[in-house]
N, C-alpha and C. Protein backbone atom coordinates (compact mmCIF):
# COMPACT_ATOMS: atom_id res chain seq x y z
N UNK A 1 13.65 16.51 86.85
CA UNK A 1 13.80 18.10 85.67
C UNK A 1 13.85 18.79 86.54
N UNK A 2 14.85 19.20 88.03
CA UNK A 2 14.84 19.48 88.88
C UNK A 2 15.66 20.86 89.76
N UNK A 3 16.49 20.34 87.71
CA UNK A 3 18.17 21.39 87.35
C UNK A 3 17.35 22.54 87.13
N UNK A 4 17.68 23.68 88.00
CA UNK A 4 17.35 24.67 87.41
C UNK A 4 18.48 26.33 87.41
N UNK A 5 19.81 25.54 87.38
CA UNK A 5 20.69 26.31 86.80
C UNK A 5 20.70 26.46 85.88
N UNK A 6 21.14 27.38 85.24
CA UNK A 6 21.56 27.82 82.86
C UNK A 6 23.30 26.79 82.76
N UNK A 7 22.62 26.03 81.56
CA UNK A 7 23.66 25.70 81.23
C UNK A 7 24.41 25.59 79.72
N UNK A 8 24.03 27.13 79.84
CA UNK A 8 24.33 26.93 78.06
C UNK A 8 25.53 27.87 78.38
N UNK A 9 26.04 28.37 77.01
CA UNK A 9 26.47 29.80 76.88
C UNK A 9 28.10 29.27 77.18
N UNK A 10 28.30 27.43 77.51
CA UNK A 10 29.51 26.50 77.92
C UNK A 10 30.54 26.47 76.57
N UNK A 11 30.40 27.74 75.46
CA UNK A 11 31.07 27.12 74.08
C UNK A 11 32.27 26.46 74.29
N UNK A 12 33.20 26.08 74.91
CA UNK A 12 33.64 25.36 74.88
C UNK A 12 33.78 23.46 75.24
N UNK A 13 32.46 23.21 75.62
CA UNK A 13 31.97 22.49 75.75
C UNK A 13 31.57 22.03 74.13
N UNK A 14 30.68 23.05 74.01
CA UNK A 14 30.39 23.18 72.44
C UNK A 14 32.26 22.51 71.62
N UNK A 15 33.00 23.27 71.77
CA UNK A 15 33.35 22.61 70.67
C UNK A 15 33.97 21.22 71.38
N UNK A 16 34.28 20.96 72.33
CA UNK A 16 34.92 19.59 72.78
C UNK A 16 34.26 18.26 72.60
N UNK A 17 32.93 19.06 72.62
CA UNK A 17 32.01 18.00 72.21
C UNK A 17 32.17 17.37 71.11
N UNK A 18 31.85 18.94 70.16
CA UNK A 18 31.91 18.48 68.34
C UNK A 18 33.30 17.75 67.83
N UNK A 19 34.51 18.30 68.48
CA UNK A 19 35.47 17.05 68.12
C UNK A 19 35.78 16.31 68.46
N UNK A 20 34.79 15.39 69.78
CA UNK A 20 35.06 13.86 70.25
C UNK A 20 34.37 13.65 68.91
N UNK A 21 33.37 13.56 68.67
CA UNK A 21 32.40 13.13 67.94
C UNK A 21 32.60 13.00 66.38
N UNK A 22 33.54 14.12 65.89
CA UNK A 22 33.64 14.32 64.79
C UNK A 22 35.27 13.53 64.66
N UNK A 23 35.66 13.70 65.32
CA UNK A 23 37.10 12.93 65.21
C UNK A 23 37.17 11.48 65.07
N UNK A 24 36.29 10.90 66.34
CA UNK A 24 35.64 9.84 66.33
C UNK A 24 34.77 9.23 65.30
N UNK A 25 34.32 10.16 64.75
CA UNK A 25 33.46 9.55 63.42
C UNK A 25 34.93 9.70 62.10
N UNK A 26 35.04 10.72 62.29
CA UNK A 26 36.23 10.01 61.26
C UNK A 26 37.26 8.45 61.20
N UNK A 27 37.76 8.70 62.12
CA UNK A 27 38.54 7.79 62.63
C UNK A 27 37.57 6.50 62.41
N UNK A 28 36.42 6.48 61.92
CA UNK A 28 35.59 5.10 61.40
C UNK A 28 35.58 4.99 59.51
N UNK A 29 35.04 6.78 59.01
CA UNK A 29 34.91 7.18 57.88
C UNK A 29 36.24 7.32 57.05
N UNK A 30 36.76 7.61 57.80
CA UNK A 30 38.64 7.70 56.71
C UNK A 30 38.16 8.66 55.51
N UNK A 31 37.37 9.23 55.20
CA UNK A 31 37.29 10.13 53.84
C UNK A 31 38.84 10.18 52.78
N UNK A 32 38.53 9.80 52.17
CA UNK A 32 39.39 10.08 50.80
C UNK A 32 38.84 10.25 49.85
N UNK A 33 37.99 10.38 48.97
CA UNK A 33 37.16 11.12 47.55
C UNK A 33 36.95 12.58 47.72
N UNK A 34 36.75 13.21 47.31
CA UNK A 34 35.90 14.65 47.37
C UNK A 34 34.19 14.19 47.49
N UNK A 35 34.12 13.43 47.24
CA UNK A 35 32.75 12.41 47.95
C UNK A 35 32.33 12.01 49.42
N UNK A 36 33.34 11.21 49.80
CA UNK A 36 33.32 11.09 50.52
C UNK A 36 33.85 12.00 52.19
N UNK A 37 34.45 13.40 51.44
CA UNK A 37 34.83 14.45 52.15
C UNK A 37 33.15 14.96 51.87
N UNK A 38 32.31 14.93 51.09
CA UNK A 38 31.00 15.93 51.14
C UNK A 38 30.32 14.98 52.13
N UNK A 39 30.50 13.52 52.13
CA UNK A 39 29.22 12.91 53.33
C UNK A 39 29.86 13.26 54.44
N UNK A 40 31.45 13.88 54.75
CA UNK A 40 31.77 13.52 55.84
C UNK A 40 31.38 14.83 56.59
N UNK A 41 31.30 15.98 55.55
CA UNK A 41 31.84 17.19 56.19
C UNK A 41 30.02 17.85 56.17
N UNK A 42 28.80 17.08 55.92
CA UNK A 42 27.65 17.46 56.10
C UNK A 42 27.41 16.80 57.43
N UNK A 43 27.83 15.59 57.51
CA UNK A 43 27.91 14.98 59.52
C UNK A 43 28.27 15.74 60.05
N UNK A 44 29.54 16.17 59.83
CA UNK A 44 30.27 17.83 60.68
C UNK A 44 29.52 18.67 61.28
N UNK A 45 28.59 18.94 59.85
CA UNK A 45 28.10 20.80 59.87
C UNK A 45 26.70 20.06 61.59
N UNK A 46 26.08 18.79 60.49
CA UNK A 46 25.29 18.45 61.76
C UNK A 46 25.56 17.86 62.97
N UNK A 47 26.38 17.50 63.44
CA UNK A 47 26.91 17.68 64.97
C UNK A 47 27.19 19.06 65.39
N UNK A 48 28.16 20.03 64.69
CA UNK A 48 28.02 21.16 64.97
C UNK A 48 27.05 21.87 65.05
N UNK A 49 25.93 22.01 64.73
CA UNK A 49 24.73 22.49 64.88
C UNK A 49 23.73 21.60 66.21
N UNK A 50 23.97 20.22 66.07
CA UNK A 50 23.13 20.23 67.69
C UNK A 50 24.23 20.44 68.42
N UNK A 51 25.50 20.19 68.90
CA UNK A 51 26.34 20.63 69.90
C UNK A 51 26.03 22.40 70.79
N UNK A 52 26.32 23.30 69.32
CA UNK A 52 26.05 24.65 69.66
C UNK A 52 24.69 24.73 70.27
N UNK A 53 23.38 24.32 69.66
CA UNK A 53 22.25 24.56 70.75
C UNK A 53 22.60 23.64 72.16
N UNK A 54 23.22 22.23 72.15
CA UNK A 54 22.63 21.47 73.07
C UNK A 54 23.43 22.35 75.00
N UNK A 55 24.66 22.85 74.29
CA UNK A 55 25.55 23.65 75.28
C UNK A 55 25.55 25.01 74.90
N UNK A 56 25.31 25.78 73.74
CA UNK A 56 26.37 27.01 73.15
C UNK A 56 24.78 28.29 73.59
N UNK A 57 23.83 28.21 72.52
CA UNK A 57 22.76 29.07 72.60
C UNK A 57 21.76 28.59 71.98
N UNK A 58 20.50 27.93 72.58
CA UNK A 58 19.30 27.11 72.86
C UNK A 58 18.68 27.66 72.11
N UNK A 59 18.24 27.76 70.43
CA UNK A 59 17.80 28.49 69.89
C UNK A 59 16.12 27.86 69.73
N UNK A 60 16.37 26.46 70.03
CA UNK A 60 14.99 26.09 69.68
C UNK A 60 13.90 26.22 71.56
N UNK A 61 15.20 26.81 72.23
CA UNK A 61 14.20 26.93 73.45
C UNK A 61 13.48 28.10 73.27
N UNK A 62 14.01 29.06 73.07
CA UNK A 62 13.99 30.78 72.92
C UNK A 62 12.57 30.53 71.99
N UNK A 63 12.48 30.08 70.76
CA UNK A 63 11.51 30.15 69.77
C UNK A 63 10.51 30.17 70.21
N UNK A 64 10.67 28.53 70.98
CA UNK A 64 9.72 27.80 71.23
C UNK A 64 8.95 28.33 72.99
N UNK A 65 9.64 29.39 73.51
CA UNK A 65 9.58 29.75 74.83
C UNK A 65 7.65 29.80 75.38
N UNK A 66 7.69 30.36 74.67
CA UNK A 66 5.80 30.90 74.93
C UNK A 66 4.84 29.40 74.84
N UNK A 67 5.40 28.80 73.52
CA UNK A 67 4.47 27.50 73.57
C UNK A 67 4.73 26.33 74.47
N UNK A 68 6.02 26.17 75.22
CA UNK A 68 6.30 25.47 76.02
C UNK A 68 6.24 25.60 77.39
N UNK A 69 6.45 26.93 77.69
CA UNK A 69 6.05 27.91 78.73
C UNK A 69 4.28 27.10 79.49
N UNK A 70 4.04 26.77 77.78
CA UNK A 70 2.53 27.20 78.00
C UNK A 70 1.94 25.60 78.73
N UNK A 71 2.49 24.72 78.07
CA UNK A 71 2.42 23.42 77.94
C UNK A 71 3.04 22.59 78.92
N UNK A 72 3.68 23.12 79.50
CA UNK A 72 4.71 22.44 80.48
C UNK A 72 5.00 24.06 82.09
N UNK A 73 4.33 24.26 82.40
CA UNK A 73 4.14 24.99 83.15
C UNK A 73 5.46 23.88 85.09
N UNK A 74 6.46 24.90 85.29
CA UNK A 74 6.74 24.69 85.96
C UNK A 74 8.53 24.40 85.86
N UNK A 75 8.30 23.89 84.38
CA UNK A 75 9.48 23.13 84.15
C UNK A 75 11.05 24.71 83.66
N UNK A 76 11.98 24.55 84.40
CA UNK A 76 13.08 25.49 83.56
C UNK A 76 13.66 25.24 82.40
N UNK A 77 13.17 25.58 81.29
CA UNK A 77 13.68 25.23 79.89
C UNK A 77 15.49 25.76 79.92
N UNK A 78 15.66 26.39 81.10
CA UNK A 78 16.90 27.26 79.97
C UNK A 78 18.34 25.75 81.61
N UNK A 79 17.28 25.24 82.10
CA UNK A 79 17.87 24.20 82.93
C UNK A 79 18.80 22.92 81.41
N UNK A 80 20.01 22.22 82.16
CA UNK A 80 20.27 20.91 80.94
C UNK A 80 19.18 20.08 80.89
N UNK A 81 18.97 19.60 81.93
CA UNK A 81 17.43 18.43 81.76
C UNK A 81 16.86 18.78 81.04
N UNK A 82 16.15 20.09 81.09
CA UNK A 82 14.35 20.37 80.25
C UNK A 82 15.14 20.44 78.22
N UNK A 83 16.35 20.35 78.44
CA UNK A 83 16.29 20.49 76.68
C UNK A 83 16.53 19.18 76.42
N UNK A 84 16.20 18.22 77.15
CA UNK A 84 16.12 16.88 76.45
C UNK A 84 14.41 16.78 75.93
N UNK A 85 14.14 17.64 75.29
CA UNK A 85 12.62 18.25 75.05
C UNK A 85 11.42 16.58 74.86
N UNK A 86 11.58 15.87 74.50
CA UNK A 86 10.94 14.62 74.36
C UNK A 86 11.02 13.97 75.43
N UNK A 87 11.79 13.48 76.90
CA UNK A 87 11.61 12.96 77.83
C UNK A 87 10.54 14.42 78.62
N UNK A 88 10.54 15.79 78.58
CA UNK A 88 10.12 16.78 79.55
C UNK A 88 8.30 16.25 78.45
N UNK A 89 8.18 16.80 77.35
CA UNK A 89 6.98 16.33 76.12
C UNK A 89 5.77 15.26 76.83
N UNK A 90 7.23 14.22 76.96
CA UNK A 90 6.74 12.87 77.34
C UNK A 90 6.21 12.80 78.91
N UNK A 91 6.15 13.46 79.64
CA UNK A 91 6.68 13.34 81.31
C UNK A 91 7.42 12.66 81.81
N UNK A 92 8.46 12.48 81.46
CA UNK A 92 9.38 11.93 82.27
C UNK A 92 9.72 12.90 83.49
N UNK A 93 9.88 12.42 84.65
CA UNK A 93 9.82 13.01 85.38
C UNK A 93 11.30 12.67 86.11
N UNK A 94 12.73 11.73 85.46
CA UNK A 94 13.35 11.16 86.52
C UNK A 94 14.71 11.99 85.45
N UNK A 95 15.71 11.89 85.72
CA UNK A 95 17.04 12.31 84.95
C UNK A 95 16.19 12.22 83.72
N UNK A 96 17.19 12.52 83.41
CA UNK A 96 16.51 12.32 81.62
C UNK A 96 17.48 11.18 80.88
N UNK A 97 18.23 11.20 81.05
CA UNK A 97 19.90 10.48 80.94
C UNK A 97 19.26 8.68 81.32
N UNK A 98 18.27 8.39 81.70
CA UNK A 98 18.06 7.24 81.49
C UNK A 98 16.34 6.91 81.07
N UNK A 99 15.91 8.22 80.94
CA UNK A 99 14.61 8.02 80.00
C UNK A 99 14.98 7.05 78.70
N UNK A 100 13.75 6.54 78.12
CA UNK A 100 13.49 6.21 77.21
C UNK A 100 13.64 6.07 76.13
N UNK A 101 14.08 7.72 75.76
CA UNK A 101 14.87 8.92 74.01
C UNK A 101 15.76 8.77 74.24
N UNK A 102 16.73 8.66 75.81
CA UNK A 102 18.17 8.86 75.13
C UNK A 102 18.30 7.23 75.60
N UNK A 103 18.23 6.44 75.72
CA UNK A 103 18.58 5.43 75.83
C UNK A 103 18.12 4.78 74.87
N UNK A 104 17.18 5.46 73.91
CA UNK A 104 17.12 4.00 72.62
C UNK A 104 18.10 5.46 71.28
N UNK A 105 18.35 7.13 71.96
CA UNK A 105 18.77 7.25 71.10
C UNK A 105 20.12 7.05 71.12
N UNK A 106 21.23 6.27 72.87
CA UNK A 106 22.23 5.58 71.98
C UNK A 106 22.56 4.30 71.70
N UNK A 107 20.74 3.17 71.87
CA UNK A 107 21.51 2.78 70.67
C UNK A 107 21.75 2.71 68.84
N UNK A 108 21.38 4.21 68.63
CA UNK A 108 21.34 4.57 67.47
C UNK A 108 22.26 4.73 67.32
N UNK A 109 22.88 5.66 68.06
CA UNK A 109 24.35 6.13 68.09
C UNK A 109 24.99 5.19 68.14
N UNK A 110 25.04 4.13 68.36
CA UNK A 110 26.35 3.15 68.55
C UNK A 110 26.04 2.42 67.43
N UNK A 111 25.16 2.10 67.52
CA UNK A 111 24.88 1.11 66.11
C UNK A 111 25.21 2.18 65.12
N UNK A 112 24.92 3.01 64.99
CA UNK A 112 25.51 3.68 63.58
C UNK A 112 27.04 3.75 63.35
N UNK A 113 28.16 4.01 64.82
CA UNK A 113 29.30 3.96 65.45
C UNK A 113 29.88 1.86 64.38
N UNK A 114 29.12 0.87 64.90
CA UNK A 114 29.45 -0.36 65.23
C UNK A 114 29.57 -0.04 63.01
N UNK A 115 28.17 0.52 62.21
CA UNK A 115 27.81 0.12 60.85
C UNK A 115 29.45 0.61 60.57
N UNK A 116 29.79 2.10 60.36
CA UNK A 116 30.92 2.81 60.15
C UNK A 116 31.93 2.17 59.84
N UNK A 117 32.18 1.97 61.62
CA UNK A 117 33.73 0.91 61.95
C UNK A 117 33.76 -0.76 60.81
N UNK A 118 32.36 -1.46 61.13
CA UNK A 118 32.74 -2.30 60.09
C UNK A 118 32.50 -2.35 58.53
N UNK A 119 31.78 -0.98 58.26
CA UNK A 119 31.89 -1.46 56.68
C UNK A 119 33.33 -0.67 56.56
N UNK A 120 34.27 0.22 57.18
CA UNK A 120 35.35 0.51 56.79
C UNK A 120 36.16 -0.74 56.71
N UNK A 121 36.44 -0.96 57.72
CA UNK A 121 37.02 -2.48 57.13
C UNK A 121 37.05 -2.94 55.83
N UNK A 122 36.18 -3.60 55.42
CA UNK A 122 35.52 -4.17 54.31
C UNK A 122 36.24 -2.98 53.10
N UNK A 123 35.37 -1.89 52.87
CA UNK A 123 35.91 -1.19 51.64
C UNK A 123 37.15 -1.13 51.69
N UNK A 124 38.10 -0.53 53.23
CA UNK A 124 39.39 -0.72 52.95
C UNK A 124 40.29 -1.81 52.07
N UNK A 125 39.73 -2.90 52.25
CA UNK A 125 40.13 -3.78 52.10
C UNK A 125 40.25 -4.01 50.74
N UNK A 126 38.84 -3.33 49.81
CA UNK A 126 38.76 -3.33 48.99
C UNK A 126 39.40 -2.49 47.65
N UNK A 127 39.41 -1.66 48.74
CA UNK A 127 39.94 -0.42 47.71
C UNK A 127 41.55 -0.75 46.83
N UNK A 128 42.53 -1.42 48.45
CA UNK A 128 43.70 -2.10 48.70
C UNK A 128 44.00 -2.33 46.80
N UNK A 129 42.86 -3.28 47.19
CA UNK A 129 42.66 -4.51 46.07
C UNK A 129 42.01 -4.45 45.34
N UNK A 130 41.73 -3.38 44.70
CA UNK A 130 41.01 -2.86 43.27
C UNK A 130 39.54 -3.52 43.04
N UNK A 131 38.77 -4.06 44.54
CA UNK A 131 37.93 -4.49 44.07
C UNK A 131 36.97 -4.28 44.35
N UNK A 132 35.18 -4.72 44.40
CA UNK A 132 34.39 -4.01 44.37
C UNK A 132 34.19 -4.92 46.17
N UNK A 133 33.46 -4.34 47.21
CA UNK A 133 33.08 -4.72 48.55
C UNK A 133 31.79 -5.45 48.38
N UNK A 134 32.02 -6.78 48.26
CA UNK A 134 30.21 -7.16 48.69
C UNK A 134 30.36 -7.91 49.40
N UNK A 135 31.62 -8.48 51.22
CA UNK A 135 31.56 -9.40 52.14
C UNK A 135 30.99 -8.19 53.06
N UNK A 136 30.62 -9.23 53.81
CA UNK A 136 30.10 -8.66 55.37
C UNK A 136 29.15 -7.72 54.76
N UNK A 137 28.88 -6.31 55.61
CA UNK A 137 27.41 -5.63 55.47
C UNK A 137 27.53 -5.11 54.02
N UNK A 138 28.82 -5.14 53.41
CA UNK A 138 28.17 -4.68 52.18
C UNK A 138 27.16 -6.34 51.39
N UNK A 139 27.36 -7.27 51.66
CA UNK A 139 26.44 -8.57 51.00
C UNK A 139 25.60 -8.34 51.56
N UNK A 140 24.89 -7.50 52.64
CA UNK A 140 23.46 -7.41 52.78
C UNK A 140 23.05 -5.62 52.19
N UNK A 141 24.13 -4.59 52.16
CA UNK A 141 22.86 -3.39 52.09
C UNK A 141 24.77 -3.04 50.79
N UNK A 142 24.14 -2.01 50.02
CA UNK A 142 25.24 -1.14 49.02
C UNK A 142 25.73 -0.56 50.19
N UNK A 143 25.63 0.03 51.22
CA UNK A 143 25.70 1.76 51.51
C UNK A 143 25.70 1.84 52.85
N UNK A 144 26.12 0.40 53.54
CA UNK A 144 25.71 0.75 54.50
C UNK A 144 26.72 2.30 56.09
N UNK A 145 27.69 2.29 55.61
CA UNK A 145 28.03 4.08 55.72
C UNK A 145 27.80 5.22 55.51
N UNK A 146 26.38 4.99 55.29
CA UNK A 146 25.85 6.72 54.66
C UNK A 146 25.14 5.92 55.67
N UNK A 147 24.49 4.74 55.94
CA UNK A 147 23.38 4.13 56.42
C UNK A 147 23.42 4.52 58.21
N UNK A 148 25.25 4.21 58.03
CA UNK A 148 25.55 4.80 59.71
C UNK A 148 24.77 5.59 60.04
N UNK A 149 25.96 6.97 59.53
CA UNK A 149 25.25 8.13 58.93
C UNK A 149 24.75 9.14 59.99
N UNK A 150 23.13 8.35 59.27
CA UNK A 150 21.72 8.53 58.76
C UNK A 150 21.38 7.81 60.79
N UNK A 151 21.73 6.16 60.66
CA UNK A 151 21.46 5.96 62.07
C UNK A 151 22.16 6.81 63.43
N UNK A 152 23.03 8.33 63.30
CA UNK A 152 23.80 7.91 64.38
C UNK A 152 23.12 9.66 64.39
N UNK A 153 22.94 10.17 62.79
CA UNK A 153 22.04 11.59 64.15
C UNK A 153 20.65 11.14 63.82
N UNK A 154 19.86 10.07 63.71
CA UNK A 154 18.56 10.64 63.97
C UNK A 154 18.37 10.18 65.55
N UNK A 155 19.74 8.76 66.62
CA UNK A 155 19.91 9.31 67.19
C UNK A 155 20.00 10.59 68.03
N UNK A 156 21.13 10.95 67.70
CA UNK A 156 21.50 12.34 68.26
C UNK A 156 19.88 13.44 68.15
N UNK A 157 18.98 13.10 67.52
CA UNK A 157 17.83 13.78 67.27
C UNK A 157 16.52 12.98 68.97
N UNK A 158 17.00 12.06 68.69
CA UNK A 158 15.90 11.53 69.87
C UNK A 158 16.24 11.44 71.11
N UNK A 159 17.77 12.01 71.09
CA UNK A 159 18.15 12.24 72.60
C UNK A 159 17.86 14.74 73.04
N UNK A 160 18.29 15.07 71.57
CA UNK A 160 18.39 16.17 71.98
C UNK A 160 17.85 17.25 70.54
N UNK A 161 16.93 17.37 70.47
CA UNK A 161 16.16 17.63 69.09
C UNK A 161 15.78 19.72 68.92
N UNK A 162 16.53 19.88 67.84
CA UNK A 162 16.63 21.12 67.91
C UNK A 162 15.89 21.58 66.28
N UNK A 163 15.03 22.32 66.38
CA UNK A 163 14.81 22.66 64.93
C UNK A 163 15.70 22.84 63.67
N UNK A 164 17.13 23.28 63.73
CA UNK A 164 17.98 23.69 63.42
C UNK A 164 17.58 21.50 62.52
N UNK A 165 18.62 20.99 63.49
CA UNK A 165 18.59 19.78 62.95
C UNK A 165 17.68 19.14 62.36
N UNK A 166 16.28 18.95 62.99
CA UNK A 166 15.13 19.06 62.29
C UNK A 166 14.71 19.04 61.05
N UNK A 167 15.49 20.29 60.26
CA UNK A 167 15.58 20.62 59.22
C UNK A 167 16.55 20.20 58.17
N UNK A 168 17.81 19.83 59.06
CA UNK A 168 18.98 19.60 58.24
C UNK A 168 19.22 18.31 58.20
N UNK A 169 18.29 17.27 59.41
CA UNK A 169 18.08 16.17 58.43
C UNK A 169 17.86 15.34 57.39
N UNK A 170 16.82 15.44 56.86
CA UNK A 170 16.64 14.81 55.52
C UNK A 170 16.74 15.32 54.86
N UNK A 171 17.27 16.65 54.78
CA UNK A 171 18.08 17.53 53.75
C UNK A 171 19.61 16.67 53.70
N UNK A 172 19.88 16.41 54.51
CA UNK A 172 20.93 14.97 54.90
C UNK A 172 21.16 13.90 53.84
N UNK A 173 19.81 13.21 54.41
CA UNK A 173 18.99 11.84 54.38
C UNK A 173 19.34 11.82 52.67
N UNK A 174 18.68 12.92 52.49
CA UNK A 174 18.36 12.78 50.23
C UNK A 174 19.80 13.59 50.17
N UNK A 175 20.63 14.41 50.76
CA UNK A 175 22.05 14.10 50.03
C UNK A 175 22.56 12.42 50.00
N UNK A 176 22.68 12.19 51.00
CA UNK A 176 23.01 11.03 51.24
C UNK A 176 22.43 9.91 50.41
N UNK A 177 21.22 9.91 50.09
CA UNK A 177 20.73 9.19 48.38
C UNK A 177 21.58 9.32 47.73
N UNK A 178 21.46 10.56 46.98
CA UNK A 178 22.25 11.49 45.57
C UNK A 178 23.59 10.59 46.11
N UNK A 179 24.37 10.96 46.88
CA UNK A 179 25.80 10.26 46.97
C UNK A 179 26.07 8.96 46.86
N UNK A 180 24.65 8.44 47.25
CA UNK A 180 24.77 6.92 46.79
C UNK A 180 24.73 6.84 45.23
N UNK A 181 23.78 7.63 44.33
CA UNK A 181 23.44 7.15 43.35
C UNK A 181 24.55 7.73 42.27
N UNK A 182 25.33 8.65 42.93
CA UNK A 182 26.67 9.21 42.17
C UNK A 182 27.56 7.81 42.19
N UNK A 183 27.77 7.26 43.77
CA UNK A 183 28.90 6.63 43.91
C UNK A 183 28.36 5.36 42.58
N UNK A 184 27.52 4.70 42.87
CA UNK A 184 26.81 3.75 42.05
C UNK A 184 27.26 3.84 40.11
N UNK A 185 26.75 4.62 40.29
CA UNK A 185 26.80 5.14 38.69
C UNK A 185 28.74 5.01 38.31
N UNK A 186 29.41 5.58 39.61
CA UNK A 186 30.91 5.09 39.27
C UNK A 186 31.73 4.29 39.36
N UNK A 187 30.73 3.05 39.82
CA UNK A 187 31.13 2.08 40.00
C UNK A 187 30.75 0.85 39.26
N UNK A 188 29.86 1.03 38.30
CA UNK A 188 29.05 0.45 37.41
C UNK A 188 30.50 1.32 36.09
N UNK A 189 31.12 1.92 36.11
CA UNK A 189 31.80 2.14 35.33
C UNK A 189 33.10 1.51 35.46
N UNK A 190 33.53 1.55 36.31
CA UNK A 190 34.67 0.75 36.83
C UNK A 190 34.58 -0.94 36.79
N UNK A 191 33.40 -1.49 37.11
CA UNK A 191 33.20 -2.83 36.82
C UNK A 191 31.71 -3.19 36.44
N UNK A 192 31.15 -2.61 35.47
CA UNK A 192 29.91 -3.27 34.65
C UNK A 192 28.91 -3.73 35.13
N UNK A 193 29.79 -5.30 34.06
CA UNK A 193 28.80 -6.20 34.41
C UNK A 193 28.41 -6.43 36.15
N UNK A 194 29.50 -6.69 36.91
CA UNK A 194 30.37 -6.92 37.91
C UNK A 194 29.22 -6.56 38.57
N UNK A 195 28.93 -5.14 38.84
CA UNK A 195 28.55 -4.42 39.41
C UNK A 195 26.88 -3.94 39.57
N UNK A 196 26.58 -4.53 38.26
CA UNK A 196 24.87 -4.63 38.08
C UNK A 196 24.51 -6.02 38.60
N UNK A 197 25.37 -6.36 39.06
CA UNK A 197 24.23 -8.29 39.06
C UNK A 197 24.91 -8.04 40.90
N UNK A 198 25.53 -7.02 41.06
CA UNK A 198 26.21 -6.64 42.86
C UNK A 198 24.17 -6.27 42.76
N UNK A 199 24.37 -5.18 42.16
CA UNK A 199 22.74 -4.36 42.93
C UNK A 199 22.05 -4.77 42.64
N UNK A 200 21.58 -5.68 41.98
CA UNK A 200 20.35 -6.55 41.63
C UNK A 200 20.14 -7.22 42.59
N UNK A 201 21.56 -7.37 43.72
CA UNK A 201 20.58 -9.02 44.27
C UNK A 201 21.57 -7.91 45.52
N UNK A 202 21.77 -7.05 46.03
CA UNK A 202 21.82 -5.98 46.92
C UNK A 202 20.92 -4.88 47.43
N UNK A 203 20.12 -4.89 47.99
CA UNK A 203 19.30 -3.78 48.35
C UNK A 203 20.39 -2.20 48.56
N UNK A 204 20.13 -0.98 48.17
CA UNK A 204 20.83 -0.03 48.07
C UNK A 204 20.97 0.21 49.86
N UNK A 205 20.07 -0.02 50.99
CA UNK A 205 19.84 0.78 52.29
C UNK A 205 19.55 -0.09 52.72
N UNK A 206 18.58 -0.99 52.64
CA UNK A 206 17.56 -1.24 54.11
C UNK A 206 17.85 -2.95 53.61
N UNK A 207 18.81 -3.97 54.68
CA UNK A 207 19.06 -5.28 54.26
C UNK A 207 17.15 -5.56 54.41
N UNK A 208 17.54 -7.27 53.20
CA UNK A 208 16.26 -7.71 52.93
C UNK A 208 16.18 -8.30 54.77
N UNK A 209 15.28 -8.83 54.74
CA UNK A 209 14.55 -9.24 55.74
C UNK A 209 15.37 -11.32 56.10
N UNK A 210 14.98 -11.61 54.62
CA UNK A 210 15.73 -12.58 54.76
C UNK A 210 16.84 -13.02 55.19
N UNK A 211 17.91 -11.86 54.47
CA UNK A 211 19.74 -11.90 54.92
C UNK A 211 19.56 -11.47 56.20
N UNK A 212 18.70 -10.87 57.51
CA UNK A 212 18.72 -10.75 58.73
C UNK A 212 18.95 -11.78 59.40
N UNK A 213 17.60 -12.45 59.48
CA UNK A 213 17.85 -13.96 59.45
C UNK A 213 18.25 -15.28 59.40
N UNK A 214 19.10 -14.96 58.05
CA UNK A 214 19.99 -15.31 58.09
C UNK A 214 21.31 -15.64 58.57
N UNK A 215 21.44 -14.23 59.21
CA UNK A 215 22.89 -13.48 59.27
C UNK A 215 22.67 -14.29 61.10
N UNK A 216 21.53 -13.64 61.77
CA UNK A 216 21.20 -13.69 63.11
C UNK A 216 21.05 -15.46 62.99
């Protein structure tokens, strides 16, 4: 936490990092329907808000500056390293990029992208053949792509928590749950009892432990 150089107002990094992660997610999610675009747009808004505070304007730091200064004297909260608030608050003194929260966040972020990539291959093949996606990840959960988006956002919250993204996260989780229900209603109209039987044995978001044990 010894880096005292201000690390904000770098809008080129806000734009670059936002584009990298949005395009990366787009390459995996490949939205097609209006519902797909809504879910992807919400995720993109979260990413832009995150990097705006990470490199542009640290709104959370300014709003909490009095409390942070009183609780953690000697920390320059306008340095980039101190923006990793969880590492600061739990007393991590070394490079925050190697701190426990940052490392754990990487697991969630990469895991989320792996879910998106794996789910899209199965879903795309099913859509081309006009059938239900029920194999691979879809045999363990009905909405792996939404789970992937949530894991990525949660990972970023661990890495760089902000007031805006903390507010956005539960709202987006609720939105994804609502989109999942609408998608299921559409699948029932298209596939009828075939989808009802699939839904009866396959969890919506969280795989059953027995399924995880079998796949392991």
